[in-house]
PDB file of N, CA and C in Angstrom:
ATOM      1  N   MET A   1      78.397  91.845  96.357  1.00  0.00           N
ATOM      2  CA  MET A   1      78.494  93.283  96.317  1.00  0.00           C
ATOM      3  C   MET A   1      77.900  93.848  97.611  1.00  0.00           C
ATOM      4  N   TRP A   2      78.599  94.829  98.181  1.00  0.00           N
ATOM      5  CA  TRP A   2      78.119  95.492  99.386  1.00  0.00           C
ATOM      6  C   TRP A   2      77.236  96.677  99.018  1.00  0.00           C
ATOM      7  N   GLN A   3      76.176  96.858  99.770  1.00  0.00           N
ATOM      8  CA  GLN A   3      75.292  98.012  99.639  1.00  0.00           C
ATOM      9  C   GLN A   3      75.120  98.594 101.038  1.00  0.00           C
ATOM     10  N   SER A   4      75.012  99.917 101.122  1.00  0.00           N
ATOM     11  CA  SER A   4      74.807 100.548 102.428  1.00  0.00           C
ATOM     12  C   SER A   4      73.857 101.729 102.290  1.00  0.00           C
ATOM     13  N   PHE A   5      73.198 102.033 103.405  1.00  0.00           N
ATOM     14  CA  PHE A   5      72.238 103.132 103.427  1.00  0.00           C
ATOM     15  C   PHE A   5      71.979 103.532 104.865  1.00  0.00           C
ATOM     16  N   THR A   6      71.374 104.703 105.031  1.00  0.00           N
ATOM     17  CA  THR A   6      70.978 105.155 106.361  1.00  0.00           C
ATOM     18  C   THR A   6      69.459 105.255 106.438  1.00  0.00           C
ATOM     19  N   MET A   7      68.970 105.144 107.659  1.00  0.00           N
ATOM     20  CA  MET A   7      67.557 105.354 107.993  1.00  0.00           C
ATOM     21  C   MET A   7      67.569 106.123 109.307  1.00  0.00           C
ATOM     22  N   LYS A   8      66.397 106.471 109.828  1.00  0.00           N
ATOM     23  CA  LYS A   8      66.387 107.229 111.088  1.00  0.00           C
ATOM     24  C   LYS A   8      65.222 106.806 111.967  1.00  0.00           C
ATOM     25  N   LEU A   9      65.552 106.605 113.249  1.00  0.00           N
ATOM     26  CA  LEU A   9      64.536 106.275 114.251  1.00  0.00           C
ATOM     27  C   LEU A   9      63.866 107.539 114.769  1.00  0.00           C
ATOM     28  N   LEU A  10      62.670 107.363 115.278  1.00  0.00           N
ATOM     29  CA  LEU A  10      62.002 108.443 115.991  1.00  0.00           C
ATOM     30  C   LEU A  10      62.548 108.477 117.418  1.00  0.00           C
ATOM     31  N   PRO A  11      62.529 109.635 118.061  1.00  0.00           N
ATOM     32  CA  PRO A  11      63.050 109.743 119.432  1.00  0.00           C
ATOM     33  C   PRO A  11      62.389 108.742 120.378  1.00  0.00           C
ATOM     34  N   GLY A  12      63.213 108.134 121.226  1.00  0.00           N
ATOM     35  CA  GLY A  12      62.726 107.211 122.233  1.00  0.00           C
ATOM     36  C   GLY A  12      62.401 105.813 121.724  1.00  0.00           C
ATOM     37  N   MET A  13      62.741 105.487 120.493  1.00  0.00           N
ATOM     38  CA  MET A  13      62.350 104.203 119.896  1.00  0.00           C
ATOM     39  C   MET A  13      63.492 103.207 119.715  1.00  0.00           C
ATOM     40  N   ALA A  14      64.671 103.517 120.220  1.00  0.00           N
ATOM     41  CA  ALA A  14      65.819 102.625 120.026  1.00  0.00           C
ATOM     42  C   ALA A  14      65.587 101.246 120.649  1.00  0.00           C
ATOM     43  N   ALA A  15      65.079 101.211 121.866  1.00  0.00           N
ATOM     44  CA  ALA A  15      64.854  99.918 122.530  1.00  0.00           C
ATOM     45  C   ALA A  15      63.792  99.103 121.791  1.00  0.00           C
ATOM     46  N   GLU A  16      62.749  99.756 121.323  1.00  0.00           N
ATOM     47  CA  GLU A  16      61.701  99.052 120.584  1.00  0.00           C
ATOM     48  C   GLU A  16      62.233  98.530 119.247  1.00  0.00           C
ATOM     49  N   TYR A  17      63.062  99.326 118.591  1.00  0.00           N
ATOM     50  CA  TYR A  17      63.666  98.887 117.333  1.00  0.00           C
ATOM     51  C   TYR A  17      64.494  97.618 117.564  1.00  0.00           C
ATOM     52  N   GLN A  18      65.302  97.638 118.612  1.00  0.00           N
ATOM     53  CA  GLN A  18      66.124  96.475 118.954  1.00  0.00           C
ATOM     54  C   GLN A  18      65.242  95.261 119.259  1.00  0.00           C
ATOM     55  N   LYS A  19      64.191  95.478 120.047  1.00  0.00           N
ATOM     56  CA  LYS A  19      63.278  94.395 120.428  1.00  0.00           C
ATOM     57  C   LYS A  19      62.646  93.745 119.195  1.00  0.00           C
ATOM     58  N   ARG A  20      62.198  94.558 118.257  1.00  0.00           N
ATOM     59  CA  ARG A  20      61.546  94.025 117.065  1.00  0.00           C
ATOM     60  C   ARG A  20      62.537  93.252 116.192  1.00  0.00           C
ATOM     61  N   HIS A  21      63.771  93.713 116.131  1.00  0.00           N
ATOM     62  CA  HIS A  21      64.761  92.994 115.327  1.00  0.00           C
ATOM     63  C   HIS A  21      65.266  91.734 116.039  1.00  0.00           C
ATOM     64  N   ASP A  22      65.235  91.743 117.361  1.00  0.00           N
ATOM     65  CA  ASP A  22      65.593  90.525 118.099  1.00  0.00           C
ATOM     66  C   ASP A  22      64.590  89.409 117.832  1.00  0.00           C
ATOM     67  N   ALA A  23      63.381  89.789 117.464  1.00  0.00           N
ATOM     68  CA  ALA A  23      62.318  88.820 117.175  1.00  0.00           C
ATOM     69  C   ALA A  23      61.925  88.882 115.695  1.00  0.00           C
ATOM     70  N   ILE A  24      62.909  89.081 114.826  1.00  0.00           N
ATOM     71  CA  ILE A  24      62.624  89.224 113.395  1.00  0.00           C
ATOM     72  C   ILE A  24      61.852  88.008 112.883  1.00  0.00           C
ATOM     73  N   TRP A  25      60.923  88.254 112.015  1.00  0.00           N
ATOM     74  CA  TRP A  25      60.057  87.198 111.496  1.00  0.00           C
ATOM     75  C   TRP A  25      60.848  86.219 110.633  1.00  0.00           C
ATOM     76  N   PRO A  26      60.671  84.934 110.850  1.00  0.00           N
ATOM     77  CA  PRO A  26      61.355  83.933 110.009  1.00  0.00           C
ATOM     78  C   PRO A  26      61.025  84.086 108.524  1.00  0.00           C
ATOM     79  N   ASP A  27      59.784  84.457 108.190  1.00  0.00           N
ATOM     80  CA  ASP A  27      59.460  84.609 106.769  1.00  0.00           C
ATOM     81  C   ASP A  27      60.173  85.814 106.153  1.00  0.00           C
ATOM     82  N   LEU A  28      60.492  86.834 106.950  1.00  0.00           N
ATOM     83  CA  LEU A  28      61.271  87.961 106.441  1.00  0.00           C
ATOM     84  C   LEU A  28      62.725  87.534 106.229  1.00  0.00           C
ATOM     85  N   VAL A  29      63.272  86.801 107.181  1.00  0.00           N
ATOM     86  CA  VAL A  29      64.644  86.288 107.031  1.00  0.00           C
ATOM     87  C   VAL A  29      64.731  85.431 105.767  1.00  0.00           C
ATOM     88  N   ASN A  30      63.759  84.556 105.568  1.00  0.00           N
ATOM     89  CA  ASN A  30      63.757  83.699 104.372  1.00  0.00           C
ATOM     90  C   ASN A  30      63.685  84.532 103.099  1.00  0.00           C
ATOM     91  N   LEU A  31      62.849  85.558 103.090  1.00  0.00           N
ATOM     92  CA  LEU A  31      62.728  86.419 101.923  1.00  0.00           C
ATOM     93  C   LEU A  31      64.067  87.097 101.609  1.00  0.00           C
ATOM     94  N   LEU A  32      64.709  87.635 102.627  1.00  0.00           N
ATOM     95  CA  LEU A  32      65.986  88.317 102.414  1.00  0.00           C
ATOM     96  C   LEU A  32      67.038  87.347 101.878  1.00  0.00           C
ATOM     97  N   LYS A  33      67.089  86.152 102.446  1.00  0.00           N
ATOM     98  CA  LYS A  33      68.046  85.140 101.976  1.00  0.00           C
ATOM     99  C   LYS A  33      67.726  84.718 100.544  1.00  0.00           C
ATOM    100  N   GLN A  34      66.439  84.525 100.232  1.00  0.00           N
ATOM    101  CA  GLN A  34      66.041  84.132  98.879  1.00  0.00           C
ATOM    102  C   GLN A  34      66.367  85.222  97.862  1.00  0.00           C
ATOM    103  N   THR A  35      66.434  86.462  98.313  1.00  0.00           N
ATOM    104  CA  THR A  35      66.754  87.582  97.442  1.00  0.00           C
ATOM    105  C   THR A  35      68.261  87.670  97.206  1.00  0.00           C
ATOM    106  N   GLY A  36      69.019  86.827  97.883  1.00  0.00           N
ATOM    107  CA  GLY A  36      70.462  86.800  97.676  1.00  0.00           C
ATOM    108  C   GLY A  36      71.263  87.602  98.677  1.00  0.00           C
ATOM    109  N   ILE A  37      70.617  88.053  99.743  1.00  0.00           N
ATOM    110  CA  ILE A  37      71.336  88.778 100.788  1.00  0.00           C
ATOM    111  C   ILE A  37      72.022  87.747 101.679  1.00  0.00           C
ATOM    112  N   SER A  38      73.346  87.792 101.706  1.00  0.00           N
ATOM    113  CA  SER A  38      74.086  86.807 102.495  1.00  0.00           C
ATOM    114  C   SER A  38      74.494  87.347 103.862  1.00  0.00           C
ATOM    115  N   GLU A  39      74.650  88.652 103.967  1.00  0.00           N
ATOM    116  CA  GLU A  39      74.963  89.289 105.248  1.00  0.00           C
ATOM    117  C   GLU A  39      74.220  90.618 105.312  1.00  0.00           C
ATOM    118  N   TYR A  40      73.754  90.963 106.517  1.00  0.00           N
ATOM    119  CA  TYR A  40      73.010  92.215 106.691  1.00  0.00           C
ATOM    120  C   TYR A  40      73.221  92.660 108.132  1.00  0.00           C
ATOM    121  N   ALA A  41      73.690  93.875 108.305  1.00  0.00           N
ATOM    122  CA  ALA A  41      73.905  94.416 109.649  1.00  0.00           C
ATOM    123  C   ALA A  41      73.369  95.846 109.697  1.00  0.00           C
ATOM    124  N   ILE A  42      72.832  96.224 110.856  1.00  0.00           N
ATOM    125  CA  ILE A  42      72.334  97.580 111.072  1.00  0.00           C
ATOM    126  C   ILE A  42      72.957  98.094 112.370  1.00  0.00           C
ATOM    127  N   PHE A  43      73.493  99.309 112.310  1.00  0.00           N
ATOM    128  CA  PHE A  43      74.132  99.931 113.456  1.00  0.00           C
ATOM    129  C   PHE A  43      73.396 101.228 113.792  1.00  0.00           C
ATOM    130  N   LEU A  44      73.368 101.591 115.064  1.00  0.00           N
ATOM    131  CA  LEU A  44      72.669 102.788 115.523  1.00  0.00           C
ATOM    132  C   LEU A  44      73.651 103.802 116.080  1.00  0.00           C
ATOM    133  N   ASP A  45      73.559 105.037 115.605  1.00  0.00           N
ATOM    134  CA  ASP A  45      74.248 106.168 116.232  1.00  0.00           C
ATOM    135  C   ASP A  45      73.265 106.718 117.261  1.00  0.00           C
ATOM    136  N   GLU A  46      73.517 106.447 118.522  1.00  0.00           N
ATOM    137  CA  GLU A  46      72.573 106.810 119.579  1.00  0.00           C
ATOM    138  C   GLU A  46      72.412 108.322 119.751  1.00  0.00           C
ATOM    139  N   GLN A  47      73.390 109.095 119.321  1.00  0.00           N
ATOM    140  CA  GLN A  47      73.297 110.557 119.444  1.00  0.00           C
ATOM    141  C   GLN A  47      72.335 111.156 118.424  1.00  0.00           C
ATOM    142  N   THR A  48      72.360 110.634 117.188  1.00  0.00           N
ATOM    143  CA  THR A  48      71.552 111.211 116.111  1.00  0.00           C
ATOM    144  C   THR A  48      70.329 110.371 115.752  1.00  0.00           C
ATOM    145  N   LEU A  49      70.272 109.151 116.270  1.00  0.00           N
ATOM    146  CA  LEU A  49      69.232 108.169 115.951  1.00  0.00           C
ATOM    147  C   LEU A  49      69.293 107.703 114.492  1.00  0.00           C
ATOM    148  N   VAL A  50      70.424 107.931 113.849  1.00  0.00           N
ATOM    149  CA  VAL A  50      70.625 107.453 112.486  1.00  0.00           C
ATOM    150  C   VAL A  50      71.031 105.980 112.533  1.00  0.00           C
ATOM    151  N   LEU A  51      70.368 105.197 111.705  1.00  0.00           N
ATOM    152  CA  LEU A  51      70.693 103.792 111.536  1.00  0.00           C
ATOM    153  C   LEU A  51      71.560 103.664 110.289  1.00  0.00           C
ATOM    154  N   PHE A  52      72.643 102.934 110.394  1.00  0.00           N
ATOM    155  CA  PHE A  52      73.519 102.664 109.264  1.00  0.00           C
ATOM    156  C   PHE A  52      73.381 101.185 108.940  1.00  0.00           C
ATOM    157  N   ALA A  53      72.950 100.886 107.736  1.00  0.00           N
ATOM    158  CA  ALA A  53      72.745  99.499 107.324  1.00  0.00           C
ATOM    159  C   ALA A  53      73.728  99.141 106.221  1.00  0.00           C
ATOM    160  N   VAL A  54      74.233  97.932 106.292  1.00  0.00           N
ATOM    161  CA  VAL A  54      75.133  97.423 105.261  1.00  0.00           C
ATOM    162  C   VAL A  54      74.737  95.976 104.985  1.00  0.00           C
ATOM    163  N   LEU A  55      74.681  95.642 103.712  1.00  0.00           N
ATOM    164  CA  LEU A  55      74.329  94.273 103.353  1.00  0.00           C
ATOM    165  C   LEU A  55      75.149  93.823 102.163  1.00  0.00           C
ATOM    166  N   GLN A  56      75.341  92.523 102.106  1.00  0.00           N
ATOM    167  CA  GLN A  56      76.029  91.929 100.970  1.00  0.00           C
ATOM    168  C   GLN A  56      74.994  91.138 100.180  1.00  0.00           C
ATOM    169  N   VAL A  57      74.965  91.403  98.883  1.00  0.00           N
ATOM    170  CA  VAL A  57      73.973  90.773  98.020  1.00  0.00           C
ATOM    171  C   VAL A  57      74.666  90.266  96.756  1.00  0.00           C
ATOM    172  N   ASN A  58      74.253  89.082  96.315  1.00  0.00           N
ATOM    173  CA  ASN A  58      74.845  88.486  95.117  1.00  0.00           C
ATOM    174  C   ASN A  58      74.500  89.273  93.863  1.00  0.00           C
ATOM    175  N   ASP A  59      73.242  89.650  93.729  1.00  0.00           N
ATOM    176  CA  ASP A  59      72.769  90.358  92.539  1.00  0.00           C
ATOM    177  C   ASP A  59      71.909  91.537  92.976  1.00  0.00           C
ATOM    178  N   PRO A  60      72.445  92.751  92.967  1.00  0.00           N
ATOM    179  CA  PRO A  60      71.687  93.922  93.431  1.00  0.00           C
ATOM    180  C   PRO A  60      70.358  94.127  92.702  1.00  0.00           C
ATOM    181  N   LEU A  61      70.241  93.647  91.489  1.00  0.00           N
ATOM    182  CA  LEU A  61      68.983  93.810  90.751  1.00  0.00           C
ATOM    183  C   LEU A  61      67.830  93.073  91.424  1.00  0.00           C
ATOM    184  N   LEU A  62      68.137  91.997  92.162  1.00  0.00           N
ATOM    185  CA  LEU A  62      67.085  91.247  92.856  1.00  0.00           C
ATOM    186  C   LEU A  62      66.441  92.072  93.972  1.00  0.00           C
ATOM    187  N   LEU A  63      67.147  93.064  94.478  1.00  0.00           N
ATOM    188  CA  LEU A  63      66.600  93.909  95.548  1.00  0.00           C
ATOM    189  C   LEU A  63      65.410  94.730  95.072  1.00  0.00           C
ATOM    190  N   HIS A  64      65.313  94.956  93.779  1.00  0.00           N
ATOM    191  CA  HIS A  64      64.217  95.763  93.238  1.00  0.00           C
ATOM    192  C   HIS A  64      62.849  95.104  93.439  1.00  0.00           C
ATOM    193  N   ASP A  65      62.823  93.797  93.639  1.00  0.00           N
ATOM    194  CA  ASP A  65      61.556  93.091  93.846  1.00  0.00           C
ATOM    195  C   ASP A  65      61.068  93.143  95.294  1.00  0.00           C
ATOM    196  N   LEU A  66      61.954  93.463  96.228  1.00  0.00           N
ATOM    197  CA  LEU A  66      61.581  93.454  97.646  1.00  0.00           C
ATOM    198  C   LEU A  66      60.417  94.387  97.998  1.00  0.00           C
ATOM    199  N   PRO A  67      60.374  95.615  97.492  1.00  0.00           N
ATOM    200  CA  PRO A  67      59.307  96.532  97.914  1.00  0.00           C
ATOM    201  C   PRO A  67      57.890  96.052  97.610  1.00  0.00           C
ATOM    202  N   VAL A  68      57.710  95.206  96.630  1.00  0.00           N
ATOM    203  CA  VAL A  68      56.357  94.754  96.282  1.00  0.00           C
ATOM    204  C   VAL A  68      55.988  93.437  96.964  1.00  0.00           C
ATOM    205  N   HIS A  69      56.927  92.821  97.653  1.00  0.00           N
ATOM    206  CA  HIS A  69      56.640  91.548  98.308  1.00  0.00           C
ATOM    207  C   HIS A  69      55.772  91.779  99.551  1.00  0.00           C
ATOM    208  N   PRO A  70      54.707  90.992  99.721  1.00  0.00           N
ATOM    209  CA  PRO A  70      53.805  91.185 100.869  1.00  0.00           C
ATOM    210  C   PRO A  70      54.498  91.130 102.235  1.00  0.00           C
ATOM    211  N   VAL A  71      55.482  90.264 102.399  1.00  0.00           N
ATOM    212  CA  VAL A  71      56.184  90.174 103.686  1.00  0.00           C
ATOM    213  C   VAL A  71      56.936  91.472 103.967  1.00  0.00           C
ATOM    214  N   MET A  72      57.583  92.016 102.948  1.00  0.00           N
ATOM    215  CA  MET A  72      58.322  93.268 103.114  1.00  0.00           C
ATOM    216  C   MET A  72      57.362  94.406 103.448  1.00  0.00           C
ATOM    217  N   GLN A  73      56.229  94.442 102.782  1.00  0.00           N
ATOM    218  CA  GLN A  73      55.256  95.499 103.058  1.00  0.00           C
ATOM    219  C   GLN A  73      54.692  95.385 104.472  1.00  0.00           C
ATOM    220  N   ARG A  74      54.442  94.158 104.931  1.00  0.00           N
ATOM    221  CA  ARG A  74      53.960  93.979 106.314  1.00  0.00           C
ATOM    222  C   ARG A  74      55.008  94.453 107.314  1.00  0.00           C
ATOM    223  N   TRP A  75      56.293  94.127 107.043  1.00  0.00           N
ATOM    224  CA  TRP A  75      57.372  94.558 107.935  1.00  0.00           C
ATOM    225  C   TRP A  75      57.451  96.075 107.973  1.00  0.00           C
ATOM    226  N   TRP A  76      57.371  96.726 106.825  1.00  0.00           N
ATOM    227  CA  TRP A  76      57.421  98.185 106.798  1.00  0.00           C
ATOM    228  C   TRP A  76      56.294  98.799 107.609  1.00  0.00           C
ATOM    229  N   HIS A  77      55.097  98.273 107.469  1.00  0.00           N
ATOM    230  CA  HIS A  77      53.967  98.799 108.252  1.00  0.00           C
ATOM    231  C   HIS A  77      54.183  98.559 109.750  1.00  0.00           C
ATOM    232  N   TYR A  78      54.724  97.414 110.094  1.00  0.00           N
ATOM    233  CA  TYR A  78      55.019  97.072 111.482  1.00  0.00           C
ATOM    234  C   TYR A  78      56.043  98.040 112.083  1.00  0.00           C
ATOM    235  N   MET A  79      57.003  98.480 111.279  1.00  0.00           N
ATOM    236  CA  MET A  79      58.069  99.357 111.763  1.00  0.00           C
ATOM    237  C   MET A  79      57.746 100.841 111.618  1.00  0.00           C
ATOM    238  N   SER A  80      56.690 101.173 110.909  1.00  0.00           N
ATOM    239  CA  SER A  80      56.426 102.569 110.550  1.00  0.00           C
ATOM    240  C   SER A  80      56.121 103.491 111.733  1.00  0.00           C
ATOM    241  N   ASP A  81      55.759 102.933 112.874  1.00  0.00           N
ATOM    242  CA  ASP A  81      55.459 103.795 114.018  1.00  0.00           C
ATOM    243  C   ASP A  81      56.698 104.171 114.828  1.00  0.00           C
ATOM    244  N   ILE A  82      57.867 103.629 114.464  1.00  0.00           N
ATOM    245  CA  ILE A  82      59.064 103.916 115.254  1.00  0.00           C
ATOM    246  C   ILE A  82      60.208 104.533 114.447  1.00  0.00           C
ATOM    247  N   MET A  83      59.982 104.766 113.147  1.00  0.00           N
ATOM    248  CA  MET A  83      61.044 105.349 112.338  1.00  0.00           C
ATOM    249  C   MET A  83      60.479 106.254 111.256  1.00  0.00           C
ATOM    250  N   GLU A  84      61.334 107.084 110.685  1.00  0.00           N
ATOM    251  CA  GLU A  84      60.902 107.955 109.604  1.00  0.00           C
ATOM    252  C   GLU A  84      60.557 107.099 108.386  1.00  0.00           C
ATOM    253  N   THR A  85      59.380 107.366 107.806  1.00  0.00           N
ATOM    254  CA  THR A  85      58.921 106.561 106.680  1.00  0.00           C
ATOM    255  C   THR A  85      58.390 107.439 105.545  1.00  0.00           C
ATOM    256  N   ASN A  86      58.292 106.820 104.384  1.00  0.00           N
ATOM    257  CA  ASN A  86      57.662 107.433 103.219  1.00  0.00           C
ATOM    258  C   ASN A  86      56.161 107.167 103.282  1.00  0.00           C
ATOM    259  N   ALA A  87      55.425 107.721 102.337  1.00  0.00           N
ATOM    260  CA  ALA A  87      53.969 107.564 102.310  1.00  0.00           C
ATOM    261  C   ALA A  87      53.532 106.106 102.216  1.00  0.00           C
ATOM    262  N   ASP A  88      54.350 105.243 101.606  1.00  0.00           N
ATOM    263  CA  ASP A  88      53.998 103.822 101.466  1.00  0.00           C
ATOM    264  C   ASP A  88      54.461 102.978 102.648  1.00  0.00           C
ATOM    265  N   ALA A  89      54.901 103.615 103.729  1.00  0.00           N
ATOM    266  CA  ALA A  89      55.390 102.992 104.963  1.00  0.00           C
ATOM    267  C   ALA A  89      56.813 102.464 104.843  1.00  0.00           C
ATOM    268  N   SER A  90      57.430 102.559 103.680  1.00  0.00           N
ATOM    269  CA  SER A  90      58.836 102.155 103.556  1.00  0.00           C
ATOM    270  C   SER A  90      59.697 103.138 104.341  1.00  0.00           C
ATOM    271  N   PRO A  91      60.795 102.654 104.913  1.00  0.00           N
ATOM    272  CA  PRO A  91      61.650 103.585 105.643  1.00  0.00           C
ATOM    273  C   PRO A  91      62.290 104.598 104.705  1.00  0.00           C
ATOM    274  N   VAL A  92      62.421 105.827 105.193  1.00  0.00           N
ATOM    275  CA  VAL A  92      63.203 106.810 104.445  1.00  0.00           C
ATOM    276  C   VAL A  92      64.626 106.269 104.453  1.00  0.00           C
ATOM    277  N   SER A  93      65.144 105.990 103.287  1.00  0.00           N
ATOM    278  CA  SER A  93      66.433 105.330 103.143  1.00  0.00           C
ATOM    279  C   SER A  93      67.311 106.145 102.204  1.00  0.00           C
ATOM    280  N   ILE A  94      68.518 106.454 102.668  1.00  0.00           N
ATOM    281  CA  ILE A  94      69.445 107.244 101.867  1.00  0.00           C
ATOM    282  C   ILE A  94      70.637 106.362 101.503  1.00  0.00           C
ATOM    283  N   PRO A  95      70.778 106.034 100.207  1.00  0.00           N
ATOM    284  CA  PRO A  95      71.921 105.214  99.792  1.00  0.00           C
ATOM    285  C   PRO A  95      73.235 105.950 100.033  1.00  0.00           C
ATOM    286  N   LEU A  96      74.252 105.183 100.372  1.00  0.00           N
ATOM    287  CA  LEU A  96      75.570 105.763 100.606  1.00  0.00           C
ATOM    288  C   LEU A  96      76.522 105.371  99.482  1.00  0.00           C
ATOM    289  N   LYS A  97      77.388 106.292  99.130  1.00  0.00           N
ATOM    290  CA  LYS A  97      78.359 106.074  98.067  1.00  0.00           C
ATOM    291  C   LYS A  97      79.607 105.418  98.654  1.00  0.00           C
ATOM    292  N   PRO A  98      80.044 104.299  98.092  1.00  0.00           N
ATOM    293  CA  PRO A  98      81.279 103.682  98.583  1.00  0.00           C
ATOM    294  C   PRO A  98      82.492 104.562  98.244  1.00  0.00           C
ATOM    295  N   VAL A  99      83.369 104.748  99.213  1.00  0.00           N
ATOM    296  CA  VAL A  99      84.567 105.535  98.978  1.00  0.00           C
ATOM    297  C   VAL A  99      85.849 104.787  99.368  1.00  0.00           C
ATOM    298  N   PHE A 100      85.734 103.676 100.107  1.00  0.00           N
ATOM    299  CA  PHE A 100      86.913 102.909 100.496  1.00  0.00           C
ATOM    300  C   PHE A 100      86.496 101.503 100.853  1.00  0.00           C
ATOM    301  N   TYR A 101      87.331 100.541 100.487  1.00  0.00           N
ATOM    302  CA  TYR A 101      87.086  99.138 100.831  1.00  0.00           C
ATOM    303  C   TYR A 101      88.429  98.457 101.033  1.00  0.00           C
ATOM    304  N   LEU A 102      88.574  97.743 102.123  1.00  0.00           N
ATOM    305  CA  LEU A 102      89.786  96.975 102.409  1.00  0.00           C
ATOM    306  C   LEU A 102      89.380  95.514 102.537  1.00  0.00           C
ATOM    307  N   PRO A 103      89.654  94.700 101.539  1.00  0.00           N
ATOM    308  CA  PRO A 103      89.259  93.277 101.613  1.00  0.00           C
ATOM    309  C   PRO A 103      90.107  92.493 102.602  1.00  0.00           C
TER     310      PRO A 103
END
């Protein structure tokens, strides 16, 4: 099943965001894979600084455990200085409604 959402970078942080994802932590990659995420991509609209994320997950219910995992929380804190976040350091994330799919 595909899931998608948007997030937003702070001004001037696009290069840093790219740098941090180029060096993504192996334990975070393992966590995402163990959660059943088989594909995950993030795209940047450079004009608005909106990030568009799309991921494929076997069981969407498994995603509910990610926010409490220590690795996920460390990643959120690590990223919190370059993007819009909630009080718990999680990124402000807006789910998107699917309206079209071409297999």
